[in-house]
Amino acid sequence: MTSFNKRITIVFLVLQSFFPLVSEAFILRSIAENIAKFLSGTFITFLTVLALIFFLWGVADFIRNAENSDARKKGKQRMVWGIIALFFMLTFLSVTGVLTRTVFGNNPILPQLYE
């Protein structure tokens, strides 16, 4: 048996052991809600903070190295990638909010300032 076939067999056995957990729709929905809460709450907030820090790092490099064109170019590049990352975080939160309201019919699972 090749190593690829062994890996496929192991993956199949692991997935088969989790099948009873996800066989009911209620459990599947709760698993999906928990994953969405983790992604939209903790993980996306952390990535958004990292993207903002990356953007501000680019701004600082751009301002600090006003006389050096190569360093300014790196600063511009960091700012652009920071803005792109922030755009994707905002897009993910927006799409998650629309899908949550459409599918589940309640308030989106988004980070709230207060409850």
PDB file of N, CA and C in Angstrom:
ATOM      1  N   MET A   1       0.848  -1.169   0.000  1.00  0.00           N
ATOM      2  CA  MET A   1       0.000   0.000   0.000  1.00  0.00           C
ATOM      3  C   MET A   1       0.901   1.242   0.000  1.00  0.00           C
ATOM      4  N   THR A   2       0.650   2.180  -0.881  1.00  0.00           N
ATOM      5  CA  THR A   2       1.472   3.378  -0.976  1.00  0.00           C
ATOM      6  C   THR A   2       1.143   4.333   0.165  1.00  0.00           C
ATOM      7  N   SER A   3       2.008   5.301   0.353  1.00  0.00           N
ATOM      8  CA  SER A   3       1.792   6.262   1.438  1.00  0.00           C
ATOM      9  C   SER A   3       0.556   7.122   1.156  1.00  0.00           C
ATOM     10  N   PHE A   4       0.280   7.388  -0.115  1.00  0.00           N
ATOM     11  CA  PHE A   4      -0.914   8.164  -0.451  1.00  0.00           C
ATOM     12  C   PHE A   4      -2.171   7.398  -0.067  1.00  0.00           C
ATOM     13  N   ASN A   5      -2.205   6.115  -0.376  1.00  0.00           N
ATOM     14  CA  ASN A   5      -3.371   5.300  -0.018  1.00  0.00           C
ATOM     15  C   ASN A   5      -3.529   5.193   1.497  1.00  0.00           C
ATOM     16  N   LYS A   6      -2.417   5.132   2.218  1.00  0.00           N
ATOM     17  CA  LYS A   6      -2.488   5.091   3.675  1.00  0.00           C
ATOM     18  C   LYS A   6      -3.069   6.391   4.222  1.00  0.00           C
ATOM     19  N   ARG A   7      -2.655   7.498   3.638  1.00  0.00           N
ATOM     20  CA  ARG A   7      -3.180   8.794   4.082  1.00  0.00           C
ATOM     21  C   ARG A   7      -4.666   8.900   3.804  1.00  0.00           C
ATOM     22  N   ILE A   8      -5.092   8.469   2.636  1.00  0.00           N
ATOM     23  CA  ILE A   8      -6.518   8.499   2.296  1.00  0.00           C
ATOM     24  C   ILE A   8      -7.306   7.622   3.261  1.00  0.00           C
ATOM     25  N   THR A   9      -6.782   6.471   3.592  1.00  0.00           N
ATOM     26  CA  THR A   9      -7.453   5.570   4.524  1.00  0.00           C
ATOM     27  C   THR A   9      -7.565   6.200   5.902  1.00  0.00           C
ATOM     28  N   ILE A  10      -6.511   6.846   6.359  1.00  0.00           N
ATOM     29  CA  ILE A  10      -6.548   7.493   7.668  1.00  0.00           C
ATOM     30  C   ILE A  10      -7.554   8.634   7.677  1.00  0.00           C
ATOM     31  N   VAL A  11      -7.558   9.452   6.634  1.00  0.00           N
ATOM     32  CA  VAL A  11      -8.516  10.555   6.547  1.00  0.00           C
ATOM     33  C   VAL A  11      -9.946  10.010   6.523  1.00  0.00           C
ATOM     34  N   PHE A  12     -10.178   8.957   5.763  1.00  0.00           N
ATOM     35  CA  PHE A  12     -11.505   8.356   5.691  1.00  0.00           C
ATOM     36  C   PHE A  12     -11.953   7.840   7.055  1.00  0.00           C
ATOM     37  N   LEU A  13     -11.053   7.184   7.781  1.00  0.00           N
ATOM     38  CA  LEU A  13     -11.405   6.653   9.096  1.00  0.00           C
ATOM     39  C   LEU A  13     -11.697   7.760  10.103  1.00  0.00           C
ATOM     40  N   VAL A  14     -10.920   8.829  10.039  1.00  0.00           N
ATOM     41  CA  VAL A  14     -11.160   9.956  10.941  1.00  0.00           C
ATOM     42  C   VAL A  14     -12.502  10.598  10.628  1.00  0.00           C
ATOM     43  N   LEU A  15     -12.781  10.842   9.348  1.00  0.00           N
ATOM     44  CA  LEU A  15     -14.060  11.440   8.969  1.00  0.00           C
ATOM     45  C   LEU A  15     -15.228  10.521   9.311  1.00  0.00           C
ATOM     46  N   GLN A  16     -15.037   9.229   9.159  1.00  0.00           N
ATOM     47  CA  GLN A  16     -16.090   8.280   9.480  1.00  0.00           C
ATOM     48  C   GLN A  16     -16.396   8.286  10.975  1.00  0.00           C
ATOM     49  N   SER A  17     -15.394   8.524  11.800  1.00  0.00           N
ATOM     50  CA  SER A  17     -15.637   8.555  13.236  1.00  0.00           C
ATOM     51  C   SER A  17     -16.431   9.788  13.650  1.00  0.00           C
ATOM     52  N   PHE A  18     -16.367  10.877  12.863  1.00  0.00           N
ATOM     53  CA  PHE A  18     -17.137  12.070  13.168  1.00  0.00           C
ATOM     54  C   PHE A  18     -18.524  12.061  12.533  1.00  0.00           C
ATOM     55  N   PHE A  19     -18.835  11.095  11.706  1.00  0.00           N
ATOM     56  CA  PHE A  19     -20.118  11.067  11.005  1.00  0.00           C
ATOM     57  C   PHE A  19     -21.319  11.055  11.943  1.00  0.00           C
ATOM     58  N   PRO A  20     -21.324  10.292  13.032  1.00  0.00           N
ATOM     59  CA  PRO A  20     -22.495  10.338  13.910  1.00  0.00           C
ATOM     60  C   PRO A  20     -22.729  11.707  14.531  1.00  0.00           C
ATOM     61  N   LEU A  21     -21.678  12.508  14.680  1.00  0.00           N
ATOM     62  CA  LEU A  21     -21.843  13.833  15.268  1.00  0.00           C
ATOM     63  C   LEU A  21     -22.575  14.793  14.336  1.00  0.00           C
ATOM     64  N   VAL A  22     -22.360  14.645  13.038  1.00  0.00           N
ATOM     65  CA  VAL A  22     -22.940  15.592  12.096  1.00  0.00           C
ATOM     66  C   VAL A  22     -24.106  14.997  11.315  1.00  0.00           C
ATOM     67  N   SER A  23     -24.587  13.855  11.739  1.00  0.00           N
ATOM     68  CA  SER A  23     -25.653  13.222  10.969  1.00  0.00           C
ATOM     69  C   SER A  23     -26.996  13.911  11.164  1.00  0.00           C
ATOM     70  N   GLU A  24     -27.183  14.603  12.265  1.00  0.00           N
ATOM     71  CA  GLU A  24     -28.442  15.297  12.490  1.00  0.00           C
ATOM     72  C   GLU A  24     -28.296  16.761  12.103  1.00  0.00           C
ATOM     73  N   ALA A  25     -29.363  17.332  11.587  1.00  0.00           N
ATOM     74  CA  ALA A  25     -29.310  18.711  11.097  1.00  0.00           C
ATOM     75  C   ALA A  25     -29.117  19.704  12.240  1.00  0.00           C
ATOM     76  N   PHE A  26     -29.699  19.426  13.393  1.00  0.00           N
ATOM     77  CA  PHE A  26     -29.563  20.351  14.523  1.00  0.00           C
ATOM     78  C   PHE A  26     -28.112  20.471  14.955  1.00  0.00           C
ATOM     79  N   ILE A  27     -27.429  19.365  15.040  1.00  0.00           N
ATOM     80  CA  ILE A  27     -26.023  19.385  15.438  1.00  0.00           C
ATOM     81  C   ILE A  27     -25.183  20.072  14.371  1.00  0.00           C
ATOM     82  N   LEU A  28     -25.493  19.822  13.114  1.00  0.00           N
ATOM     83  CA  LEU A  28     -24.764  20.465  12.026  1.00  0.00           C
ATOM     84  C   LEU A  28     -24.947  21.978  12.079  1.00  0.00           C
ATOM     85  N   ARG A  29     -26.174  22.418  12.377  1.00  0.00           N
ATOM     86  CA  ARG A  29     -26.422  23.858  12.462  1.00  0.00           C
ATOM     87  C   ARG A  29     -25.648  24.467  13.625  1.00  0.00           C
ATOM     88  N   SER A  30     -25.615  23.782  14.769  1.00  0.00           N
ATOM     89  CA  SER A  30     -24.888  24.334  15.911  1.00  0.00           C
ATOM     90  C   SER A  30     -23.387  24.369  15.638  1.00  0.00           C
ATOM     91  N   ILE A  31     -22.881  23.372  14.924  1.00  0.00           N
ATOM     92  CA  ILE A  31     -21.465  23.386  14.551  1.00  0.00           C
ATOM     93  C   ILE A  31     -21.183  24.556  13.614  1.00  0.00           C
ATOM     94  N   ALA A  32     -22.059  24.782  12.640  1.00  0.00           N
ATOM     95  CA  ALA A  32     -21.883  25.897  11.710  1.00  0.00           C
ATOM     96  C   ALA A  32     -21.961  27.237  12.445  1.00  0.00           C
ATOM     97  N   GLU A  33     -22.883  27.356  13.409  1.00  0.00           N
ATOM     98  CA  GLU A  33     -22.986  28.599  14.169  1.00  0.00           C
ATOM     99  C   GLU A  33     -21.732  28.843  15.002  1.00  0.00           C
ATOM    100  N   ASN A  34     -21.206  27.784  15.616  1.00  0.00           N
ATOM    101  CA  ASN A  34     -19.991  27.945  16.420  1.00  0.00           C
ATOM    102  C   ASN A  34     -18.797  28.345  15.560  1.00  0.00           C
ATOM    103  N   ILE A  35     -18.687  27.755  14.391  1.00  0.00           N
ATOM    104  CA  ILE A  35     -17.597  28.123  13.482  1.00  0.00           C
ATOM    105  C   ILE A  35     -17.759  29.570  13.021  1.00  0.00           C
ATOM    106  N   ALA A  36     -18.979  29.966  12.692  1.00  0.00           N
ATOM    107  CA  ALA A  36     -19.221  31.345  12.253  1.00  0.00           C
ATOM    108  C   ALA A  36     -18.954  32.338  13.368  1.00  0.00           C
ATOM    109  N   LYS A  37     -19.337  31.997  14.594  1.00  0.00           N
ATOM    110  CA  LYS A  37     -19.065  32.887  15.724  1.00  0.00           C
ATOM    111  C   LYS A  37     -17.568  33.047  15.941  1.00  0.00           C
ATOM    112  N   PHE A  38     -16.839  31.935  15.838  1.00  0.00           N
ATOM    113  CA  PHE A  38     -15.386  32.017  16.015  1.00  0.00           C
ATOM    114  C   PHE A  38     -14.757  32.855  14.913  1.00  0.00           C
ATOM    115  N   LEU A  39     -15.156  32.586  13.655  1.00  0.00           N
ATOM    116  CA  LEU A  39     -14.554  33.312  12.533  1.00  0.00           C
ATOM    117  C   LEU A  39     -14.885  34.792  12.587  1.00  0.00           C
ATOM    118  N   SER A  40     -16.151  35.127  12.804  1.00  0.00           N
ATOM    119  CA  SER A  40     -16.526  36.539  12.761  1.00  0.00           C
ATOM    120  C   SER A  40     -16.167  37.265  14.037  1.00  0.00           C
ATOM    121  N   GLY A  41     -16.059  36.566  15.121  1.00  0.00           N
ATOM    122  CA  GLY A  41     -15.740  37.225  16.380  1.00  0.00           C
ATOM    123  C   GLY A  41     -14.254  37.349  16.608  1.00  0.00           C
ATOM    124  N   THR A  42     -13.635  36.274  16.969  1.00  0.00           N
ATOM    125  CA  THR A  42     -12.243  36.289  17.404  1.00  0.00           C
ATOM    126  C   THR A  42     -11.270  36.385  16.239  1.00  0.00           C
ATOM    127  N   PHE A  43     -11.411  35.509  15.275  1.00  0.00           N
ATOM    128  CA  PHE A  43     -10.420  35.383  14.209  1.00  0.00           C
ATOM    129  C   PHE A  43     -10.395  36.607  13.308  1.00  0.00           C
ATOM    130  N   ILE A  44     -11.545  37.059  12.850  1.00  0.00           N
ATOM    131  CA  ILE A  44     -11.588  38.216  11.947  1.00  0.00           C
ATOM    132  C   ILE A  44     -11.168  39.488  12.676  1.00  0.00           C
ATOM    133  N   THR A  45     -11.531  39.609  13.949  1.00  0.00           N
ATOM    134  CA  THR A  45     -11.089  40.773  14.710  1.00  0.00           C
ATOM    135  C   THR A  45      -9.573  40.796  14.811  1.00  0.00           C
ATOM    136  N   PHE A  46      -8.975  39.642  15.090  1.00  0.00           N
ATOM    137  CA  PHE A  46      -7.518  39.545  15.171  1.00  0.00           C
ATOM    138  C   PHE A  46      -6.870  39.890  13.827  1.00  0.00           C
ATOM    139  N   LEU A  47      -7.395  39.349  12.737  1.00  0.00           N
ATOM    140  CA  LEU A  47      -6.836  39.639  11.420  1.00  0.00           C
ATOM    141  C   LEU A  47      -7.024  41.105  11.033  1.00  0.00           C
ATOM    142  N   THR A  48      -8.128  41.705  11.438  1.00  0.00           N
ATOM    143  CA  THR A  48      -8.360  43.112  11.143  1.00  0.00           C
ATOM    144  C   THR A  48      -7.348  43.987  11.872  1.00  0.00           C
ATOM    145  N   VAL A  49      -7.076  43.650  13.123  1.00  0.00           N
ATOM    146  CA  VAL A  49      -6.069  44.401  13.878  1.00  0.00           C
ATOM    147  C   VAL A  49      -4.699  44.248  13.226  1.00  0.00           C
ATOM    148  N   LEU A  50      -4.363  43.031  12.793  1.00  0.00           N
ATOM    149  CA  LEU A  50      -3.079  42.830  12.108  1.00  0.00           C
ATOM    150  C   LEU A  50      -3.000  43.637  10.812  1.00  0.00           C
ATOM    151  N   ALA A  51      -4.086  43.664  10.044  1.00  0.00           N
ATOM    152  CA  ALA A  51      -4.099  44.427   8.795  1.00  0.00           C
ATOM    153  C   ALA A  51      -3.950  45.922   9.068  1.00  0.00           C
ATOM    154  N   LEU A  52      -4.601  46.404  10.124  1.00  0.00           N
ATOM    155  CA  LEU A  52      -4.491  47.819  10.470  1.00  0.00           C
ATOM    156  C   LEU A  52      -3.064  48.161  10.913  1.00  0.00           C
ATOM    157  N   ILE A  53      -2.450  47.276  11.697  1.00  0.00           N
ATOM    158  CA  ILE A  53      -1.058  47.492  12.106  1.00  0.00           C
ATOM    159  C   ILE A  53      -0.139  47.490  10.891  1.00  0.00           C
ATOM    160  N   PHE A  54      -0.379  46.578   9.957  1.00  0.00           N
ATOM    161  CA  PHE A  54       0.431  46.516   8.739  1.00  0.00           C
ATOM    162  C   PHE A  54       0.289  47.809   7.939  1.00  0.00           C
ATOM    163  N   PHE A  55      -0.947  48.318   7.830  1.00  0.00           N
ATOM    164  CA  PHE A  55      -1.180  49.568   7.115  1.00  0.00           C
ATOM    165  C   PHE A  55      -0.453  50.725   7.799  1.00  0.00           C
ATOM    166  N   LEU A  56      -0.580  50.808   9.118  1.00  0.00           N
ATOM    167  CA  LEU A  56       0.069  51.901   9.847  1.00  0.00           C
ATOM    168  C   LEU A  56       1.595  51.791   9.790  1.00  0.00           C
ATOM    169  N   TRP A  57       2.112  50.571   9.732  1.00  0.00           N
ATOM    170  CA  TRP A  57       3.542  50.360   9.569  1.00  0.00           C
ATOM    171  C   TRP A  57       3.986  50.926   8.219  1.00  0.00           C
ATOM    172  N   GLY A  58       3.187  50.712   7.188  1.00  0.00           N
ATOM    173  CA  GLY A  58       3.489  51.261   5.870  1.00  0.00           C
ATOM    174  C   GLY A  58       3.452  52.780   5.869  1.00  0.00           C
ATOM    175  N   VAL A  59       2.479  53.362   6.575  1.00  0.00           N
ATOM    176  CA  VAL A  59       2.403  54.826   6.675  1.00  0.00           C
ATOM    177  C   VAL A  59       3.643  55.366   7.375  1.00  0.00           C
ATOM    178  N   ALA A  60       4.043  54.709   8.464  1.00  0.00           N
ATOM    179  CA  ALA A  60       5.226  55.164   9.200  1.00  0.00           C
ATOM    180  C   ALA A  60       6.479  55.052   8.332  1.00  0.00           C
ATOM    181  N   ASP A  61       6.623  53.959   7.589  1.00  0.00           N
ATOM    182  CA  ASP A  61       7.775  53.824   6.690  1.00  0.00           C
ATOM    183  C   ASP A  61       7.760  54.885   5.604  1.00  0.00           C
ATOM    184  N   PHE A  62       6.581  55.167   5.079  1.00  0.00           N
ATOM    185  CA  PHE A  62       6.459  56.166   4.015  1.00  0.00           C
ATOM    186  C   PHE A  62       6.861  57.554   4.521  1.00  0.00           C
ATOM    187  N   ILE A  63       6.417  57.912   5.711  1.00  0.00           N
ATOM    188  CA  ILE A  63       6.728  59.238   6.262  1.00  0.00           C
ATOM    189  C   ILE A  63       8.186  59.313   6.718  1.00  0.00           C
ATOM    190  N   ARG A  64       8.662  58.262   7.395  1.00  0.00           N
ATOM    191  CA  ARG A  64      10.019  58.270   7.947  1.00  0.00           C
ATOM    192  C   ARG A  64      11.076  58.317   6.847  1.00  0.00           C
ATOM    193  N   ASN A  65      10.828  57.675   5.724  1.00  0.00           N
ATOM    194  CA  ASN A  65      11.810  57.600   4.640  1.00  0.00           C
ATOM    195  C   ASN A  65      11.396  58.473   3.462  1.00  0.00           C
ATOM    196  N   ALA A  66      11.110  59.731   3.746  1.00  0.00           N
ATOM    197  CA  ALA A  66      10.651  60.641   2.701  1.00  0.00           C
ATOM    198  C   ALA A  66      11.721  60.897   1.646  1.00  0.00           C
ATOM    199  N   GLU A  67      12.994  60.795   2.021  1.00  0.00           N
ATOM    200  CA  GLU A  67      14.065  61.084   1.066  1.00  0.00           C
ATOM    201  C   GLU A  67      14.519  59.859   0.286  1.00  0.00           C
ATOM    202  N   ASN A  68      14.189  58.667   0.735  1.00  0.00           N
ATOM    203  CA  ASN A  68      14.635  57.432   0.096  1.00  0.00           C
ATOM    204  C   ASN A  68      13.482  56.849  -0.729  1.00  0.00           C
ATOM    205  N   SER A  69      13.636  56.828  -2.037  1.00  0.00           N
ATOM    206  CA  SER A  69      12.525  56.391  -2.894  1.00  0.00           C
ATOM    207  C   SER A  69      12.243  54.895  -2.776  1.00  0.00           C
ATOM    208  N   ASP A  70      13.271  54.072  -2.553  1.00  0.00           N
ATOM    209  CA  ASP A  70      13.049  52.628  -2.407  1.00  0.00           C
ATOM    210  C   ASP A  70      12.269  52.318  -1.138  1.00  0.00           C
ATOM    211  N   ALA A  71      12.623  52.980  -0.037  1.00  0.00           N
ATOM    212  CA  ALA A  71      11.907  52.753   1.224  1.00  0.00           C
ATOM    213  C   ALA A  71      10.481  53.294   1.133  1.00  0.00           C
ATOM    214  N   ARG A  72      10.306  54.413   0.439  1.00  0.00           N
ATOM    215  CA  ARG A  72       8.951  54.945   0.239  1.00  0.00           C
ATOM    216  C   ARG A  72       8.109  53.972  -0.562  1.00  0.00           C
ATOM    217  N   LYS A  73       8.740  53.349  -1.551  1.00  0.00           N
ATOM    218  CA  LYS A  73       8.017  52.366  -2.375  1.00  0.00           C
ATOM    219  C   LYS A  73       7.569  51.180  -1.520  1.00  0.00           C
ATOM    220  N   LYS A  74       8.434  50.704  -0.607  1.00  0.00           N
ATOM    221  CA  LYS A  74       8.044  49.622   0.303  1.00  0.00           C
ATOM    222  C   LYS A  74       6.900  50.063   1.211  1.00  0.00           C
ATOM    223  N   GLY A  75       6.970  51.296   1.688  1.00  0.00           N
ATOM    224  CA  GLY A  75       5.892  51.823   2.532  1.00  0.00           C
ATOM    225  C   GLY A  75       4.573  51.884   1.786  1.00  0.00           C
ATOM    226  N   LYS A  76       4.612  52.347   0.524  1.00  0.00           N
ATOM    227  CA  LYS A  76       3.398  52.373  -0.301  1.00  0.00           C
ATOM    228  C   LYS A  76       2.837  50.978  -0.494  1.00  0.00           C
ATOM    229  N   GLN A  77       3.734  50.027  -0.733  1.00  0.00           N
ATOM    230  CA  GLN A  77       3.301  48.646  -0.958  1.00  0.00           C
ATOM    231  C   GLN A  77       2.635  48.078   0.305  1.00  0.00           C
ATOM    232  N   ARG A  78       3.196  48.354   1.471  1.00  0.00           N
ATOM    233  CA  ARG A  78       2.588  47.893   2.725  1.00  0.00           C
ATOM    234  C   ARG A  78       1.230  48.546   2.936  1.00  0.00           C
ATOM    235  N   MET A  79       1.124  49.831   2.613  1.00  0.00           N
ATOM    236  CA  MET A  79      -0.162  50.514   2.775  1.00  0.00           C
ATOM    237  C   MET A  79      -1.220  49.901   1.862  1.00  0.00           C
ATOM    238  N   VAL A  80      -0.851  49.617   0.631  1.00  0.00           N
ATOM    239  CA  VAL A  80      -1.800  49.030  -0.320  1.00  0.00           C
ATOM    240  C   VAL A  80      -2.247  47.656   0.152  1.00  0.00           C
ATOM    241  N   TRP A  81      -1.312  46.807   0.595  1.00  0.00           N
ATOM    242  CA  TRP A  81      -1.689  45.473   1.061  1.00  0.00           C
ATOM    243  C   TRP A  81      -2.516  45.547   2.344  1.00  0.00           C
ATOM    244  N   GLY A  82      -2.234  46.525   3.193  1.00  0.00           N
ATOM    245  CA  GLY A  82      -3.050  46.715   4.392  1.00  0.00           C
ATOM    246  C   GLY A  82      -4.475  47.108   4.050  1.00  0.00           C
ATOM    247  N   ILE A  83      -4.626  47.987   3.066  1.00  0.00           N
ATOM    248  CA  ILE A  83      -5.972  48.399   2.632  1.00  0.00           C
ATOM    249  C   ILE A  83      -6.700  47.224   1.991  1.00  0.00           C
ATOM    250  N   ILE A  84      -5.996  46.434   1.191  1.00  0.00           N
ATOM    251  CA  ILE A  84      -6.623  45.262   0.569  1.00  0.00           C
ATOM    252  C   ILE A  84      -7.085  44.280   1.644  1.00  0.00           C
ATOM    253  N   ALA A  85      -6.244  44.035   2.646  1.00  0.00           N
ATOM    254  CA  ALA A  85      -6.614  43.115   3.724  1.00  0.00           C
ATOM    255  C   ALA A  85      -7.810  43.645   4.505  1.00  0.00           C
ATOM    256  N   LEU A  86      -7.826  44.933   4.803  1.00  0.00           N
ATOM    257  CA  LEU A  86      -8.973  45.515   5.504  1.00  0.00           C
ATOM    258  C   LEU A  86     -10.248  45.414   4.666  1.00  0.00           C
ATOM    259  N   PHE A  87     -10.123  45.583   3.358  1.00  0.00           N
ATOM    260  CA  PHE A  87     -11.281  45.443   2.476  1.00  0.00           C
ATOM    261  C   PHE A  87     -11.843  44.021   2.535  1.00  0.00           C
ATOM    262  N   PHE A  88     -10.955  43.020   2.502  1.00  0.00           N
ATOM    263  CA  PHE A  88     -11.437  41.644   2.563  1.00  0.00           C
ATOM    264  C   PHE A  88     -12.076  41.321   3.912  1.00  0.00           C
ATOM    265  N   MET A  89     -11.558  41.871   4.996  1.00  0.00           N
ATOM    266  CA  MET A  89     -12.175  41.641   6.313  1.00  0.00           C
ATOM    267  C   MET A  89     -13.578  42.245   6.352  1.00  0.00           C
ATOM    268  N   LEU A  90     -13.703  43.459   5.849  1.00  0.00           N
ATOM    269  CA  LEU A  90     -15.010  44.109   5.822  1.00  0.00           C
ATOM    270  C   LEU A  90     -15.978  43.360   4.907  1.00  0.00           C
ATOM    271  N   THR A  91     -15.483  42.877   3.781  1.00  0.00           N
ATOM    272  CA  THR A  91     -16.330  42.104   2.869  1.00  0.00           C
ATOM    273  C   THR A  91     -16.798  40.813   3.526  1.00  0.00           C
ATOM    274  N   PHE A  92     -15.913  40.113   4.227  1.00  0.00           N
ATOM    275  CA  PHE A  92     -16.300  38.879   4.900  1.00  0.00           C
ATOM    276  C   PHE A  92     -17.380  39.153   5.941  1.00  0.00           C
ATOM    277  N   LEU A  93     -17.193  40.209   6.745  1.00  0.00           N
ATOM    278  CA  LEU A  93     -18.199  40.524   7.758  1.00  0.00           C
ATOM    279  C   LEU A  93     -19.535  40.896   7.122  1.00  0.00           C
ATOM    280  N   SER A  94     -19.507  41.604   6.011  1.00  0.00           N
ATOM    281  CA  SER A  94     -20.747  41.986   5.339  1.00  0.00           C
ATOM    282  C   SER A  94     -21.463  40.781   4.761  1.00  0.00           C
ATOM    283  N   VAL A  95     -20.739  39.916   4.075  1.00  0.00           N
ATOM    284  CA  VAL A  95     -21.350  38.722   3.482  1.00  0.00           C
ATOM    285  C   VAL A  95     -21.880  37.805   4.578  1.00  0.00           C
ATOM    286  N   THR A  96     -21.118  37.648   5.663  1.00  0.00           N
ATOM    287  CA  THR A  96     -21.580  36.830   6.776  1.00  0.00           C
ATOM    288  C   THR A  96     -22.859  37.394   7.376  1.00  0.00           C
ATOM    289  N   GLY A  97     -22.927  38.711   7.513  1.00  0.00           N
ATOM    290  CA  GLY A  97     -24.129  39.337   8.052  1.00  0.00           C
ATOM    291  C   GLY A  97     -25.346  39.137   7.164  1.00  0.00           C
ATOM    292  N   VAL A  98     -25.173  39.296   5.864  1.00  0.00           N
ATOM    293  CA  VAL A  98     -26.287  39.107   4.929  1.00  0.00           C
ATOM    294  C   VAL A  98     -26.748  37.656   4.923  1.00  0.00           C
ATOM    295  N   LEU A  99     -25.806  36.718   4.873  1.00  0.00           N
ATOM    296  CA  LEU A  99     -26.190  35.308   4.871  1.00  0.00           C
ATOM    297  C   LEU A  99     -26.841  34.886   6.179  1.00  0.00           C
ATOM    298  N   THR A 100     -26.353  35.401   7.296  1.00  0.00           N
ATOM    299  CA  THR A 100     -26.948  35.051   8.585  1.00  0.00           C
ATOM    300  C   THR A 100     -28.377  35.565   8.669  1.00  0.00           C
ATOM    301  N   ARG A 101     -28.580  36.786   8.241  1.00  0.00           N
ATOM    302  CA  ARG A 101     -29.938  37.342   8.299  1.00  0.00           C
ATOM    303  C   ARG A 101     -30.854  36.618   7.312  1.00  0.00           C
ATOM    304  N   THR A 102     -30.352  36.246   6.152  1.00  0.00           N
ATOM    305  CA  THR A 102     -31.166  35.577   5.143  1.00  0.00           C
ATOM    306  C   THR A 102     -31.486  34.137   5.529  1.00  0.00           C
ATOM    307  N   VAL A 103     -30.492  33.382   5.933  1.00  0.00           N
ATOM    308  CA  VAL A 103     -30.678  31.956   6.204  1.00  0.00           C
ATOM    309  C   VAL A 103     -31.316  31.716   7.561  1.00  0.00           C
ATOM    310  N   PHE A 104     -30.789  32.360   8.608  1.00  0.00           N
ATOM    311  CA  PHE A 104     -31.265  32.077   9.954  1.00  0.00           C
ATOM    312  C   PHE A 104     -32.359  33.027  10.402  1.00  0.00           C
ATOM    313  N   GLY A 105     -32.526  34.163   9.740  1.00  0.00           N
ATOM    314  CA  GLY A 105     -33.612  35.078  10.044  1.00  0.00           C
ATOM    315  C   GLY A 105     -33.446  35.863  11.322  1.00  0.00           C
ATOM    316  N   ASN A 106     -32.252  35.964  11.863  1.00  0.00           N
ATOM    317  CA  ASN A 106     -32.049  36.757  13.066  1.00  0.00           C
ATOM    318  C   ASN A 106     -30.867  37.694  12.865  1.00  0.00           C
ATOM    319  N   ASN A 107     -30.492  38.350  13.933  1.00  0.00           N
ATOM    320  CA  ASN A 107     -29.399  39.310  13.830  1.00  0.00           C
ATOM    321  C   ASN A 107     -28.111  38.613  13.417  1.00  0.00           C
ATOM    322  N   PRO A 108     -27.304  39.291  12.645  1.00  0.00           N
ATOM    323  CA  PRO A 108     -26.044  38.682  12.196  1.00  0.00           C
ATOM    324  C   PRO A 108     -25.128  38.368  13.367  1.00  0.00           C
ATOM    325  N   ILE A 109     -24.308  37.361  13.147  1.00  0.00           N
ATOM    326  CA  ILE A 109     -23.307  36.997  14.150  1.00  0.00           C
ATOM    327  C   ILE A 109     -22.087  37.867  13.867  1.00  0.00           C
ATOM    328  N   LEU A 110     -22.132  39.080  14.395  1.00  0.00           N
ATOM    329  CA  LEU A 110     -21.046  40.027  14.177  1.00  0.00           C
ATOM    330  C   LEU A 110     -20.552  40.528  15.526  1.00  0.00           C
ATOM    331  N   PRO A 111     -19.339  41.001  15.605  1.00  0.00           N
ATOM    332  CA  PRO A 111     -18.866  41.574  16.866  1.00  0.00           C
ATOM    333  C   PRO A 111     -19.709  42.790  17.235  1.00  0.00           C
ATOM    334  N   GLN A 112     -20.192  42.823  18.455  1.00  0.00           N
ATOM    335  CA  GLN A 112     -21.040  43.913  18.919  1.00  0.00           C
ATOM    336  C   GLN A 112     -20.289  44.734  19.943  1.00  0.00           C
ATOM    337  N   LEU A 113     -20.545  46.038  19.939  1.00  0.00           N
ATOM    338  CA  LEU A 113     -19.927  46.889  20.936  1.00  0.00           C
ATOM    339  C   LEU A 113     -20.575  46.681  22.315  1.00  0.00           C
ATOM    340  N   TYR A 114     -21.861  46.486  22.333  1.00  0.00           N
ATOM    341  CA  TYR A 114     -22.595  46.223  23.571  1.00  0.00           C
ATOM    342  C   TYR A 114     -23.823  45.402  23.227  1.00  0.00           C
ATOM    343  N   GLU A 115     -24.398  44.807  24.230  1.00  0.00           N
ATOM    344  CA  GLU A 115     -25.595  43.991  23.982  1.00  0.00           C
ATOM    345  C   GLU A 115     -26.757  44.502  24.766  1.00  0.00           C
TER     346      GLU A 115
END
